[in-house]
Amino acid sequence: MSHPLLPTTVVQMIKSNGITKVKLFDADSWTVSAFAGTGIELMLAIPNDMLKRISSDYSHAQDWVKENVTKHDYDGGVNIKYVAVGNEPFLSSYNGSFMKTTFPALKNIQKALDEAGVGNRIKATVPLNADVYNSPESNPVPSAGDFRGDIHSLMVDMVRFMHSNGAPFVVNIYPFLSLYQNPDFPIDFAFFDGGGRNLNDKGHQYTNVFDANYDTLVWSLKKAGVSDMKIIVGEVGWPTDGDKNANTENAKRFYDGFLKKMGQNEGTPMRPGHMDVYLFGLIDEDMKSVLPGNFERHWGIFTYDCRPKFPMDLSGKGNDKYLKRATGVQYLPEQWCVLNPDVKQLSAMGPNLDYACSLSDCTALGYGSSCNDLDRGGNASYAFNMYFQMQDQDVRACNFEGLAVITTKNASRNGCLFPVQIVSAAPPAAVATARALLVAGIAAILLL
């Protein structure tokens, strides 16, 4: 994100909301150190671009464990539970880029953990997208599920290795994406409040796609000979902007149903009982890639300045109240950069709008998004302001060939927020990207 908060500020917010487990997307030392003494359980992560180096030279795995695990492993230090080796490395869209490096990297990291004397309590795993398994189109039910054909033998070997080491299978499941990628997908099947179709599989009734997807994995693991392998859902959530189905109303509907399900320990037809689940994500990310869709920058249950977006009860008891926001957040002055109403010659507006959006975040302007109803001038004002705020309100960032002007009148309108930027704690590279969270009181797991 462009303007991260201090890790200590975010950690304090996490603690104040009763969250006890956190999943990170890297192992940034400044961020990890902020969890020292909190007792919060962490899953650290190794980015995909490091897999080749760690897989090819064991000494790199040893160095990584020394610098990122044992460094923090002391009395009163950081409670590290898992190391995530890569993130969704077998996505179909990666075209096999990490096929040869992921498993060797996993084995090297687990070996390094063992040799460091922490392997009995810190396990290496690989968070995987749900596209690593499927059911045939001719029989689209969970019991027909198995690992994807092109990676089947690799997956079987890898899950057996993880199972032998007591590591969990970590899978990311997104009902929203089922809806986003298929215009004919029954929308109610993405939620947990009924009203949709039921899927019958050998007497098991499925009323939502999450359960069906999860149990497809259960069957895949069973066929791989590890039917009792622990499963952790590494990411699940609902975005609040960037698509016609991505809004706070749908997100609240999703989380209300999902958290109630978690709170009641319903599990799934094949795995009834308690589930460990990380919600995705914690804070919106204004610099995240939008190749999958504009919604990618809006997964947070908190806004960019750590304000809760809607009421939610992490305990699953249905107490409709807002989570606690971060304290001590400072803002830049209340001023906005907008289209100058006195300018009549607007021929340069289009190119300047495009320029502003290319260097900021205009995903809220897309079809079905929160600012989609703005007129042409409103679009320009929104783009100019987003660039202006991204540049920390530098007066030189509000010109656009004379088209823009700074105003102290709040430019927000019709449910479209024109934000005022926060005072950033550090350069973006210095703080781990804030991402996801789970359920206080249930199994409280957060992704930061």
Protein backbone atom coordinates (compact mmCIF):
# COMPACT_ATOMS: atom_id res chain seq x y z
CA MET A 1 0.00 0.00 0.00
CA SER A 2 1.18 3.53 -0.64
CA HIS A 3 0.75 4.88 2.89
CA PRO A 4 1.22 2.16 5.53
CA LEU A 5 0.73 2.74 9.22
CA LEU A 6 3.27 1.84 11.86
CA PRO A 7 3.26 -1.92 12.50
CA THR A 8 2.84 -1.21 16.21
CA THR A 9 -0.31 0.80 15.46
CA VAL A 10 -1.80 -2.05 13.43
CA VAL A 11 -0.78 -4.69 15.97
CA GLN A 12 -2.46 -2.70 18.73
CA MET A 13 -5.66 -2.59 16.66
CA ILE A 14 -5.41 -6.34 16.12
CA LYS A 15 -5.07 -6.93 19.86
CA SER A 16 -7.93 -4.57 20.72
CA ASN A 17 -10.23 -6.65 18.51
CA GLY A 18 -9.31 -9.90 20.24
CA ILE A 19 -7.51 -11.41 17.26
CA THR A 20 -5.01 -14.08 18.29
CA LYS A 21 -3.61 -15.50 15.04
CA VAL A 22 -2.12 -13.61 12.11
CA LYS A 23 -0.91 -14.56 8.64
CA LEU A 24 1.68 -12.39 6.91
CA PHE A 25 2.60 -12.29 3.23
CA ASP A 26 6.32 -11.89 3.92
CA ALA A 27 8.66 -11.83 6.89
CA ASP A 28 9.57 -8.14 7.10
CA SER A 29 11.59 -7.81 10.30
CA TRP A 30 10.06 -4.48 11.39
CA THR A 31 6.57 -5.90 11.07
CA VAL A 32 7.35 -9.26 12.67
CA SER A 33 9.13 -7.62 15.60
CA ALA A 34 5.98 -5.62 16.39
CA PHE A 35 4.32 -8.89 17.43
CA ALA A 36 6.98 -9.71 20.03
CA GLY A 37 5.51 -10.29 23.47
CA THR A 38 1.90 -10.24 22.24
CA GLY A 39 1.40 -14.00 22.13
CA ILE A 40 -0.30 -13.60 18.74
CA GLU A 41 0.36 -16.65 16.59
CA LEU A 42 2.03 -15.88 13.25
CA MET A 43 2.34 -17.50 9.87
CA LEU A 44 5.31 -15.97 8.05
CA ALA A 45 5.71 -16.19 4.29
CA ILE A 46 8.36 -16.56 1.62
CA PRO A 47 7.42 -14.75 -1.63
CA ASN A 48 7.27 -16.72 -4.87
CA ASP A 49 10.24 -14.87 -6.32
CA MET A 50 12.48 -16.43 -3.65
CA LEU A 51 11.48 -20.04 -4.34
CA LYS A 52 14.10 -20.68 -7.02
CA ARG A 53 16.99 -19.55 -4.85
CA ILE A 54 15.83 -21.49 -1.79
CA SER A 55 15.11 -24.63 -3.82
CA SER A 56 18.48 -24.66 -5.56
CA ASP A 57 20.76 -24.02 -2.58
CA TYR A 58 20.03 -25.37 0.90
CA SER A 59 22.24 -22.73 2.50
CA HIS A 60 19.74 -20.08 1.39
CA ALA A 61 17.01 -21.94 3.27
CA GLN A 62 19.25 -22.06 6.35
CA ASP A 63 19.96 -18.34 6.08
CA TRP A 64 16.27 -17.51 5.66
CA VAL A 65 15.29 -19.50 8.75
CA LYS A 66 18.09 -17.91 10.77
CA GLU A 67 17.19 -14.35 9.73
CA ASN A 68 13.41 -14.66 9.85
CA VAL A 69 12.53 -17.39 12.35
CA THR A 70 15.16 -18.17 14.98
CA LYS A 71 16.03 -14.46 15.21
CA HIS A 72 12.58 -13.85 16.72
CA ASP A 73 12.34 -17.16 18.62
CA TYR A 74 13.22 -16.30 22.20
CA ASP A 75 11.42 -16.09 25.53
CA GLY A 76 8.97 -13.21 25.17
CA GLY A 77 9.61 -13.05 21.44
CA VAL A 78 7.37 -13.79 18.46
CA ASN A 79 5.02 -16.77 18.47
CA ILE A 80 5.74 -18.20 15.01
CA LYS A 81 3.64 -21.25 14.10
CA TYR A 82 3.97 -21.71 10.33
CA VAL A 83 6.15 -20.71 7.40
CA ALA A 84 4.26 -20.34 4.14
CA VAL A 85 6.55 -21.32 1.27
CA GLY A 86 5.26 -19.23 -1.63
CA ASN A 87 1.69 -18.14 -2.23
CA GLU A 88 -0.57 -19.93 -4.70
CA PRO A 89 2.46 -21.01 -6.80
CA PHE A 90 0.45 -23.47 -8.92
CA LEU A 91 -2.13 -21.00 -10.22
CA SER A 92 -3.09 -21.98 -13.74
CA SER A 93 -2.30 -18.45 -14.89
CA TYR A 94 1.36 -18.89 -13.85
CA ASN A 95 1.79 -21.50 -16.60
CA GLY A 96 3.99 -23.74 -14.46
CA SER A 97 6.51 -21.04 -13.52
CA PHE A 98 6.97 -22.42 -9.99
CA MET A 99 6.27 -26.07 -10.71
CA LYS A 100 9.88 -27.23 -10.31
CA THR A 101 10.89 -25.01 -7.41
CA THR A 102 8.03 -25.07 -4.88
CA PHE A 103 8.36 -28.60 -3.50
CA PRO A 104 12.19 -28.51 -3.24
CA ALA A 105 11.93 -25.14 -1.49
CA LEU A 106 9.34 -26.56 0.91
CA LYS A 107 11.59 -29.51 1.77
CA ASN A 108 14.62 -27.27 2.27
CA ILE A 109 12.75 -24.91 4.60
CA GLN A 110 11.34 -27.76 6.69
CA LYS A 111 14.81 -29.31 6.90
CA ALA A 112 16.27 -25.97 7.99
CA LEU A 113 13.55 -25.58 10.63
CA ASP A 114 14.30 -29.08 11.90
CA GLU A 115 18.05 -28.45 12.05
CA ALA A 116 17.44 -25.18 13.88
CA GLY A 117 15.62 -27.13 16.57
CA VAL A 118 12.20 -25.56 15.96
CA GLY A 119 10.73 -27.98 13.41
CA ASN A 120 8.70 -29.79 16.05
CA ARG A 121 6.56 -26.67 16.60
CA ILE A 122 7.05 -24.55 13.46
CA LYS A 123 5.88 -26.20 10.25
CA ALA A 124 6.42 -25.32 6.60
CA THR A 125 3.43 -25.40 4.26
CA VAL A 126 2.36 -24.02 0.87
CA PRO A 127 -0.80 -21.87 0.62
CA LEU A 128 -2.60 -22.97 -2.53
CA ASN A 129 -5.44 -21.64 -4.61
CA ALA A 130 -8.54 -23.79 -4.87
CA ASP A 131 -7.80 -24.33 -8.55
CA VAL A 132 -5.28 -27.07 -7.64
CA TYR A 133 -8.23 -29.46 -7.38
CA ASN A 134 -11.51 -29.83 -9.24
CA SER A 135 -14.37 -32.09 -10.18
CA PRO A 136 -15.05 -33.07 -13.81
CA GLU A 137 -17.71 -31.07 -15.66
CA SER A 138 -19.57 -34.33 -16.24
CA ASN A 139 -19.91 -34.87 -12.48
CA PRO A 140 -19.46 -31.53 -10.65
CA VAL A 141 -19.83 -32.77 -7.07
CA PRO A 142 -17.30 -32.81 -4.20
CA SER A 143 -16.95 -36.60 -4.11
CA ALA A 144 -15.67 -36.54 -7.69
CA GLY A 145 -12.91 -34.12 -6.75
CA ASP A 146 -9.23 -34.78 -7.25
CA PHE A 147 -6.05 -32.81 -7.75
CA ARG A 148 -5.61 -31.13 -11.12
CA GLY A 149 -4.32 -33.44 -13.81
CA ASP A 150 -1.20 -31.45 -14.76
CA ILE A 151 0.05 -31.35 -11.15
CA HIS A 152 -1.52 -34.51 -9.76
CA SER A 153 1.62 -36.51 -8.95
CA LEU A 154 3.36 -33.40 -7.62
CA MET A 155 0.43 -32.57 -5.35
CA VAL A 156 0.20 -36.11 -4.02
CA ASP A 157 3.92 -36.15 -3.19
CA MET A 158 3.74 -32.70 -1.61
CA VAL A 159 0.69 -33.30 0.58
CA ARG A 160 2.14 -36.61 1.79
CA PHE A 161 5.36 -34.81 2.72
CA MET A 162 3.50 -32.07 4.60
CA HIS A 163 1.27 -34.63 6.30
CA SER A 164 4.29 -36.65 7.45
CA ASN A 165 5.69 -33.49 9.06
CA GLY A 166 2.44 -32.52 10.75
CA ALA A 167 1.94 -29.51 8.50
CA PRO A 168 -1.54 -28.39 7.40
CA PHE A 169 -2.93 -28.00 3.89
CA VAL A 170 -3.57 -24.27 3.42
CA VAL A 171 -6.14 -23.39 0.77
CA ASN A 172 -7.61 -20.08 -0.39
CA ILE A 173 -11.34 -20.24 -1.19
CA TYR A 174 -13.22 -17.32 -2.73
CA PRO A 175 -16.98 -17.60 -3.28
CA PHE A 176 -16.85 -14.06 -4.71
CA LEU A 177 -14.61 -15.24 -7.54
CA SER A 178 -17.06 -18.03 -8.40
CA LEU A 179 -19.63 -15.30 -8.96
CA TYR A 180 -17.24 -12.88 -10.67
CA GLN A 181 -15.90 -15.40 -13.16
CA ASN A 182 -19.23 -16.95 -14.13
CA PRO A 183 -22.18 -14.69 -15.04
CA ASP A 184 -24.51 -17.69 -14.76
CA PHE A 185 -23.41 -18.58 -11.23
CA PRO A 186 -26.41 -18.57 -8.82
CA ILE A 187 -25.65 -15.59 -6.57
CA ASP A 188 -27.33 -16.99 -3.45
CA PHE A 189 -25.04 -20.05 -3.60
CA ALA A 190 -22.14 -17.70 -2.79
CA PHE A 191 -23.68 -16.81 0.58
CA PHE A 192 -24.77 -18.70 3.69
CA ASP A 193 -28.34 -17.57 4.30
CA GLY A 194 -30.13 -20.03 2.02
CA GLY A 195 -32.39 -19.08 -0.84
CA GLY A 196 -30.21 -20.76 -3.42
CA ARG A 197 -30.10 -24.18 -4.99
CA ASN A 198 -29.00 -27.27 -3.09
CA LEU A 199 -26.31 -29.58 -4.43
CA ASN A 200 -26.84 -33.24 -3.55
CA ASP A 201 -23.77 -35.45 -3.37
CA LYS A 202 -24.37 -38.99 -2.15
CA GLY A 203 -26.89 -37.76 0.39
CA HIS A 204 -24.84 -34.77 1.50
CA GLN A 205 -26.66 -31.49 0.91
CA TYR A 206 -24.63 -28.41 -0.05
CA THR A 207 -26.31 -25.02 0.28
CA ASN A 208 -23.27 -22.86 -0.50
CA VAL A 209 -20.20 -22.99 -2.72
CA PHE A 210 -17.73 -22.64 0.17
CA ASP A 211 -18.74 -25.97 1.70
CA ALA A 212 -18.78 -27.65 -1.70
CA ASN A 213 -15.32 -26.34 -2.55
CA TYR A 214 -13.89 -27.28 0.84
CA ASP A 215 -15.21 -30.82 0.62
CA THR A 216 -13.84 -31.18 -2.90
CA LEU A 217 -10.45 -30.70 -1.24
CA VAL A 218 -11.38 -33.20 1.49
CA TRP A 219 -12.08 -35.81 -1.18
CA SER A 220 -8.87 -34.93 -3.04
CA LEU A 221 -6.83 -35.46 0.13
CA LYS A 222 -8.63 -38.73 0.79
CA LYS A 223 -7.72 -40.00 -2.68
CA ALA A 224 -4.11 -38.96 -2.02
CA GLY A 225 -4.03 -41.17 1.06
CA VAL A 226 -4.05 -38.40 3.69
CA SER A 227 -7.71 -38.24 4.64
CA ASP A 228 -6.97 -36.94 8.15
CA MET A 229 -4.74 -34.04 7.03
CA LYS A 230 -5.45 -30.76 8.82
CA ILE A 231 -6.92 -28.05 6.58
CA ILE A 232 -6.57 -24.31 7.13
CA VAL A 233 -8.43 -21.89 4.89
CA GLY A 234 -5.70 -19.35 4.20
CA GLU A 235 -7.92 -16.70 2.64
CA VAL A 236 -11.66 -16.14 2.39
CA GLY A 237 -13.55 -12.87 2.16
CA TRP A 238 -15.58 -10.47 0.06
CA PRO A 239 -14.44 -7.18 -1.54
CA THR A 240 -16.35 -3.94 -1.02
CA ASP A 241 -15.71 -2.06 -4.26
CA GLY A 242 -14.43 -2.47 -7.80
CA ASP A 243 -17.26 -4.61 -9.21
CA LYS A 244 -21.05 -4.65 -9.38
CA ASN A 245 -21.14 -7.43 -6.76
CA ALA A 246 -18.36 -5.96 -4.63
CA ASN A 247 -19.98 -3.63 -2.11
CA THR A 248 -20.41 -3.30 1.63
CA GLU A 249 -23.93 -4.75 1.51
CA ASN A 250 -22.79 -8.02 -0.08
CA ALA A 251 -19.65 -8.12 2.08
CA LYS A 252 -21.69 -7.77 5.25
CA ARG A 253 -24.12 -10.42 4.05
CA PHE A 254 -21.22 -12.77 3.35
CA TYR A 255 -19.40 -12.19 6.64
CA ASP A 256 -22.57 -12.32 8.74
CA GLY A 257 -23.41 -15.75 7.37
CA PHE A 258 -19.85 -17.02 7.36
CA LEU A 259 -18.98 -15.89 10.88
CA LYS A 260 -22.22 -17.34 12.23
CA LYS A 261 -21.28 -20.64 10.59
CA MET A 262 -17.81 -20.47 12.15
CA GLY A 263 -19.20 -19.52 15.55
CA GLN A 264 -21.49 -22.54 15.58
CA ASN A 265 -18.65 -24.89 14.55
CA GLU A 266 -20.81 -26.33 11.78
CA GLY A 267 -17.94 -27.36 9.56
CA THR A 268 -18.92 -29.04 6.30
CA PRO A 269 -20.78 -32.26 5.47
CA MET A 270 -17.46 -34.13 5.13
CA ARG A 271 -15.63 -32.30 7.94
CA PRO A 272 -18.13 -31.24 10.61
CA GLY A 273 -16.84 -29.26 13.57
CA HIS A 274 -14.27 -26.55 14.12
CA MET A 275 -12.47 -24.92 11.18
CA ASP A 276 -9.39 -22.67 11.11
CA VAL A 277 -10.01 -19.84 8.67
CA TYR A 278 -8.16 -16.63 7.83
CA LEU A 279 -10.37 -13.80 6.63
CA PHE A 280 -9.01 -11.76 3.74
CA GLY A 281 -8.23 -8.99 4.19
CA LEU A 282 -7.42 -6.54 6.94
CA ILE A 283 -6.85 -3.21 5.14
CA ASP A 284 -7.49 -2.08 1.56
CA GLU A 285 -4.41 -2.02 -0.70
CA ASP A 286 -4.27 0.89 -3.12
CA MET A 287 -1.23 -0.39 -5.00
CA LYS A 288 -2.18 -4.03 -5.47
CA SER A 289 -2.28 -5.39 -9.02
CA VAL A 290 -5.72 -5.15 -10.63
CA LEU A 291 -5.05 -7.70 -13.37
CA PRO A 292 -7.63 -10.10 -11.85
CA GLY A 293 -10.09 -7.20 -11.45
CA ASN A 294 -10.54 -3.76 -9.86
CA PHE A 295 -11.91 -5.41 -6.73
CA GLU A 296 -8.40 -6.57 -5.79
CA ARG A 297 -7.72 -3.29 -3.97
CA HIS A 298 -10.85 -3.52 -1.82
CA TRP A 299 -10.69 -6.79 0.17
CA GLY A 300 -10.12 -5.08 3.52
CA ILE A 301 -12.61 -5.16 6.36
CA PHE A 302 -10.94 -1.87 7.31
CA THR A 303 -10.47 1.17 5.08
CA TYR A 304 -7.06 2.56 4.15
CA ASP A 305 -7.02 4.53 7.43
CA CYS A 306 -8.06 1.53 9.56
CA ARG A 307 -11.73 2.40 10.03
CA PRO A 308 -14.13 -0.59 10.01
CA LYS A 309 -16.31 -0.62 6.90
CA PHE A 310 -19.39 -2.21 8.42
CA PRO A 311 -20.52 -3.91 11.65
CA MET A 312 -19.31 -7.47 12.11
CA ASP A 313 -18.95 -9.86 15.02
CA LEU A 314 -15.81 -11.98 14.86
CA SER A 315 -17.18 -14.28 17.56
CA GLY A 316 -20.02 -15.34 15.27
CA LYS A 317 -22.63 -14.59 17.94
CA GLY A 318 -24.42 -12.03 15.80
CA ASN A 319 -23.60 -8.93 17.83
CA ASP A 320 -23.91 -6.29 15.13
CA LYS A 321 -21.23 -3.82 16.17
CA TYR A 322 -18.23 -2.13 14.60
CA LEU A 323 -14.74 -3.42 15.23
CA LYS A 324 -12.34 -1.08 17.01
CA ARG A 325 -10.44 1.22 14.68
CA ALA A 326 -6.76 2.05 14.92
CA THR A 327 -5.87 4.86 17.29
CA GLY A 328 -3.41 7.67 16.69
CA VAL A 329 -3.93 7.82 12.92
CA GLN A 330 -2.98 11.26 11.61
CA TYR A 331 -4.32 12.84 8.44
CA LEU A 332 -3.04 15.39 5.98
CA PRO A 333 -4.97 18.72 5.90
CA GLU A 334 -8.63 18.54 4.86
CA GLN A 335 -8.21 19.66 1.30
CA TRP A 336 -8.97 18.14 -2.07
CA CYS A 337 -7.82 18.57 -5.65
CA VAL A 338 -10.74 18.91 -8.08
CA LEU A 339 -11.57 20.06 -11.59
CA ASN A 340 -11.51 23.87 -11.67
CA PRO A 341 -15.12 24.95 -12.36
CA ASP A 342 -13.89 28.17 -13.98
CA VAL A 343 -11.98 26.36 -16.73
CA LYS A 344 -13.95 26.16 -19.97
CA GLN A 345 -11.40 24.57 -22.28
CA LEU A 346 -11.47 20.89 -21.35
CA SER A 347 -9.79 19.24 -24.32
CA ALA A 348 -6.87 18.11 -22.14
CA MET A 349 -9.10 16.59 -19.46
CA GLY A 350 -9.10 13.03 -20.84
CA PRO A 351 -5.32 12.60 -21.08
CA ASN A 352 -4.81 14.18 -17.66
CA LEU A 353 -7.46 11.95 -16.11
CA ASP A 354 -5.73 8.91 -17.57
CA TYR A 355 -2.38 10.11 -16.27
CA ALA A 356 -3.74 10.66 -12.76
CA CYS A 357 -5.34 7.22 -12.66
CA SER A 358 -2.22 5.49 -13.96
CA LEU A 359 -0.32 6.72 -10.90
CA SER A 360 -3.02 6.36 -8.26
CA ASP A 361 -6.14 4.28 -7.58
CA CYS A 362 -9.25 4.95 -9.66
CA THR A 363 -10.83 1.52 -9.28
CA ALA A 364 -13.90 3.06 -7.60
CA LEU A 365 -14.79 4.68 -10.95
CA GLY A 366 -15.35 1.36 -12.73
CA TYR A 367 -18.65 -0.16 -13.78
CA GLY A 368 -20.78 -1.03 -10.78
CA SER A 369 -18.33 0.57 -8.36
CA SER A 370 -19.01 3.18 -5.67
CA CYS A 371 -18.14 6.20 -7.84
CA ASN A 372 -19.54 4.86 -11.11
CA ASP A 373 -22.37 7.44 -11.16
CA LEU A 374 -20.13 10.51 -11.39
CA ASP A 375 -20.33 12.63 -14.52
CA ARG A 376 -17.31 13.37 -16.70
CA GLY A 377 -16.23 16.29 -14.57
CA GLY A 378 -16.72 14.24 -11.42
CA ASN A 379 -14.52 11.50 -12.83
CA ALA A 380 -11.79 14.04 -13.48
CA SER A 381 -12.09 15.49 -9.97
CA TYR A 382 -11.90 12.03 -8.45
CA ALA A 383 -8.82 11.11 -10.46
CA PHE A 384 -7.09 14.41 -9.76
CA ASN A 385 -7.71 14.06 -6.03
CA MET A 386 -6.51 10.47 -5.86
CA TYR A 387 -3.23 11.50 -7.50
CA PHE A 388 -2.97 14.57 -5.25
CA GLN A 389 -3.45 12.50 -2.10
CA MET A 390 -1.07 9.80 -3.35
CA GLN A 391 1.56 12.55 -3.69
CA ASP A 392 0.99 13.68 -0.09
CA GLN A 393 -0.92 16.79 -1.23
CA ASP A 394 2.09 18.31 -2.96
CA VAL A 395 0.73 21.51 -4.56
CA ARG A 396 2.57 20.62 -7.75
CA ALA A 397 0.41 17.48 -7.95
CA CYS A 398 -2.74 19.57 -8.42
CA ASN A 399 -2.25 21.35 -11.71
CA PHE A 400 -2.99 19.07 -14.65
CA GLU A 401 -2.28 21.76 -17.25
CA GLY A 402 -4.33 24.29 -15.32
CA LEU A 403 -7.42 22.08 -15.10
CA ALA A 404 -7.29 21.50 -11.34
CA VAL A 405 -7.65 23.57 -8.20
CA ILE A 406 -7.24 22.85 -4.47
CA THR A 407 -10.38 23.28 -2.37
CA THR A 408 -11.20 22.96 1.33
CA LYS A 409 -14.80 21.96 0.55
CA ASN A 410 -15.30 18.21 0.94
CA ALA A 411 -15.58 16.86 -2.60
CA SER A 412 -17.26 13.56 -1.62
CA ARG A 413 -20.69 13.07 -3.17
CA ASN A 414 -23.47 10.53 -3.70
CA GLY A 415 -21.81 7.76 -1.71
CA CYS A 416 -18.49 8.34 -3.46
CA LEU A 417 -15.68 9.07 -1.01
CA PHE A 418 -12.98 11.55 -2.00
CA PRO A 419 -10.39 10.56 0.61
CA VAL A 420 -7.90 12.65 2.52
CA GLN A 421 -4.61 10.80 2.83
CA ILE A 422 -3.09 9.70 6.13
CA VAL A 423 0.37 10.62 7.33
CA SER A 424 2.41 7.57 6.43
CA ALA A 425 4.64 5.87 8.94
CA ALA A 426 7.25 4.67 6.47
CA PRO A 427 8.03 3.99 2.81
CA PRO A 428 5.82 1.22 1.35
CA ALA A 429 8.69 -1.27 1.22
CA ALA A 430 9.30 -0.97 4.95
CA VAL A 431 6.00 -2.46 6.03
CA ALA A 432 4.42 -5.79 5.17
CA THR A 433 1.32 -5.42 3.05
CA ALA A 434 -1.76 -5.49 5.24
CA ARG A 435 -4.11 -8.25 4.18
CA ALA A 436 -6.38 -10.56 6.09
CA LEU A 437 -7.93 -11.70 9.30
CA LEU A 438 -9.94 -14.39 11.00
CA VAL A 439 -12.22 -14.78 13.88
CA ALA A 440 -11.74 -13.61 17.44
CA GLY A 441 -13.16 -16.06 19.90
CA ILE A 442 -13.58 -18.74 17.23
CA ALA A 443 -10.10 -19.31 15.96
CA ALA A 444 -8.99 -15.74 15.51
CA ILE A 445 -6.66 -15.69 12.58
CA LEU A 446 -5.61 -12.52 10.82
CA LEU A 447 -3.72 -11.87 7.66
CA LEU A 448 -1.63 -8.70 7.70
